[in-house]
Amino acid sequence: MSERLYRSNENRMLLGVCGGIAERLDLDPTMVRLAFVLFAIMGGTALLAYLVMALVIPRNPALTAGPSMRAIQQSPPPGGRSMDRD
């Protein structure tokens, strides 16, 4: 397995740990979050594990532009003038 585990930029609710695990294991992020909640209710160590993973797992360096960011990137600047200098 050559893929690394990263915190997710797209499937994040708090710090992207569950989303990153879900992306790495090709699972639904909601199921991973529910598993963390169940473990937290049962034993309480899931919260500590989440915080440790948030510190240890790096954030995904590949920032992809979501639909809202694409709309911002494609919209003209205020005043309708181009940002290019002639």
Protein backbone atom coordinates (compact mmCIF):
# COMPACT_ATOMS: atom_id res chain seq x y z
CA MET A 1 0.00 0.00 0.00
CA SER A 2 1.67 3.16 -1.16
CA GLU A 3 -1.08 5.62 -0.27
CA ARG A 4 -0.58 7.60 2.91
CA LEU A 5 -3.18 8.41 5.51
CA TYR A 6 -4.10 12.09 5.56
CA ARG A 7 -6.75 14.12 7.33
CA SER A 8 -9.46 14.94 4.82
CA ASN A 9 -10.02 18.40 3.36
CA GLU A 10 -13.35 17.49 1.79
CA ASN A 11 -15.03 15.11 4.27
CA ARG A 12 -14.33 16.96 7.46
CA MET A 13 -16.61 17.83 10.32
CA LEU A 14 -14.07 18.79 12.98
CA LEU A 15 -10.48 18.03 12.09
CA GLY A 16 -10.89 15.60 9.16
CA VAL A 17 -9.65 12.48 10.95
CA CYS A 18 -12.73 10.30 10.32
CA GLY A 19 -13.02 11.61 6.76
CA GLY A 20 -9.37 10.78 6.12
CA ILE A 21 -9.75 7.27 7.50
CA ALA A 22 -12.87 6.79 5.37
CA GLU A 23 -11.11 8.03 2.23
CA ARG A 24 -8.10 5.78 2.88
CA LEU A 25 -10.22 2.68 3.51
CA ASP A 26 -12.80 3.58 0.83
CA LEU A 27 -15.67 3.69 3.35
CA ASP A 28 -18.55 6.05 3.99
CA PRO A 29 -17.35 8.84 6.33
CA THR A 30 -20.63 8.72 8.24
CA MET A 31 -20.02 5.08 9.18
CA VAL A 32 -16.53 5.88 10.46
CA ARG A 33 -17.93 8.78 12.51
CA LEU A 34 -20.65 6.56 13.95
CA ALA A 35 -18.04 3.97 14.90
CA PHE A 36 -16.04 6.66 16.74
CA VAL A 37 -19.17 7.79 18.59
CA LEU A 38 -20.02 4.22 19.59
CA PHE A 39 -16.48 3.61 20.84
CA ALA A 40 -16.58 6.88 22.75
CA ILE A 41 -19.84 5.92 24.45
CA MET A 42 -18.67 2.39 25.26
CA GLY A 43 -15.13 2.94 26.45
CA GLY A 44 -14.33 6.60 26.19
CA THR A 45 -10.91 6.13 24.60
CA ALA A 46 -12.11 7.09 21.13
CA LEU A 47 -11.98 10.80 21.99
CA LEU A 48 -8.38 10.51 23.14
CA ALA A 49 -7.52 8.45 20.06
CA TYR A 50 -9.18 11.07 17.82
CA LEU A 51 -7.15 13.88 19.38
CA VAL A 52 -3.90 11.91 19.08
CA MET A 53 -4.65 11.10 15.43
CA ALA A 54 -5.48 14.76 14.75
CA LEU A 55 -2.00 15.66 15.98
CA VAL A 56 -0.15 12.80 14.26
CA ILE A 57 -1.90 12.44 10.90
CA PRO A 58 -0.89 15.23 8.50
CA ARG A 59 -3.42 17.31 6.64
CA ASN A 60 -3.89 16.39 2.98
CA PRO A 61 -1.60 18.66 0.96
CA ALA A 62 -3.73 18.33 -2.18
CA LEU A 63 -6.30 21.06 -1.77
CA THR A 64 -9.05 20.51 -4.27
CA ALA A 65 -11.39 23.32 -5.12
CA GLY A 66 -14.97 22.47 -4.21
CA PRO A 67 -17.97 23.94 -6.06
CA SER A 68 -18.07 27.10 -3.94
CA MET A 69 -14.34 27.73 -4.43
CA ARG A 70 -14.63 27.17 -8.18
CA ALA A 71 -17.42 29.76 -8.30
CA ILE A 72 -15.21 32.26 -6.48
CA GLN A 73 -12.27 31.53 -8.77
CA GLN A 74 -14.37 32.00 -11.92
CA SER A 75 -16.29 35.12 -10.87
CA PRO A 76 -15.04 38.50 -12.10
CA PRO A 77 -13.49 40.82 -9.53
CA PRO A 78 -15.63 43.62 -8.04
CA GLY A 79 -16.02 46.49 -10.46
CA GLY A 80 -15.78 44.15 -13.44
CA ARG A 81 -12.17 45.08 -14.15
CA SER A 82 -9.49 42.55 -14.79
CA MET A 83 -6.72 42.03 -12.25
CA ASP A 84 -4.15 41.84 -15.07
CA ARG A 85 -1.87 44.82 -15.42
CA ASP A 86 -1.36 46.07 -18.97
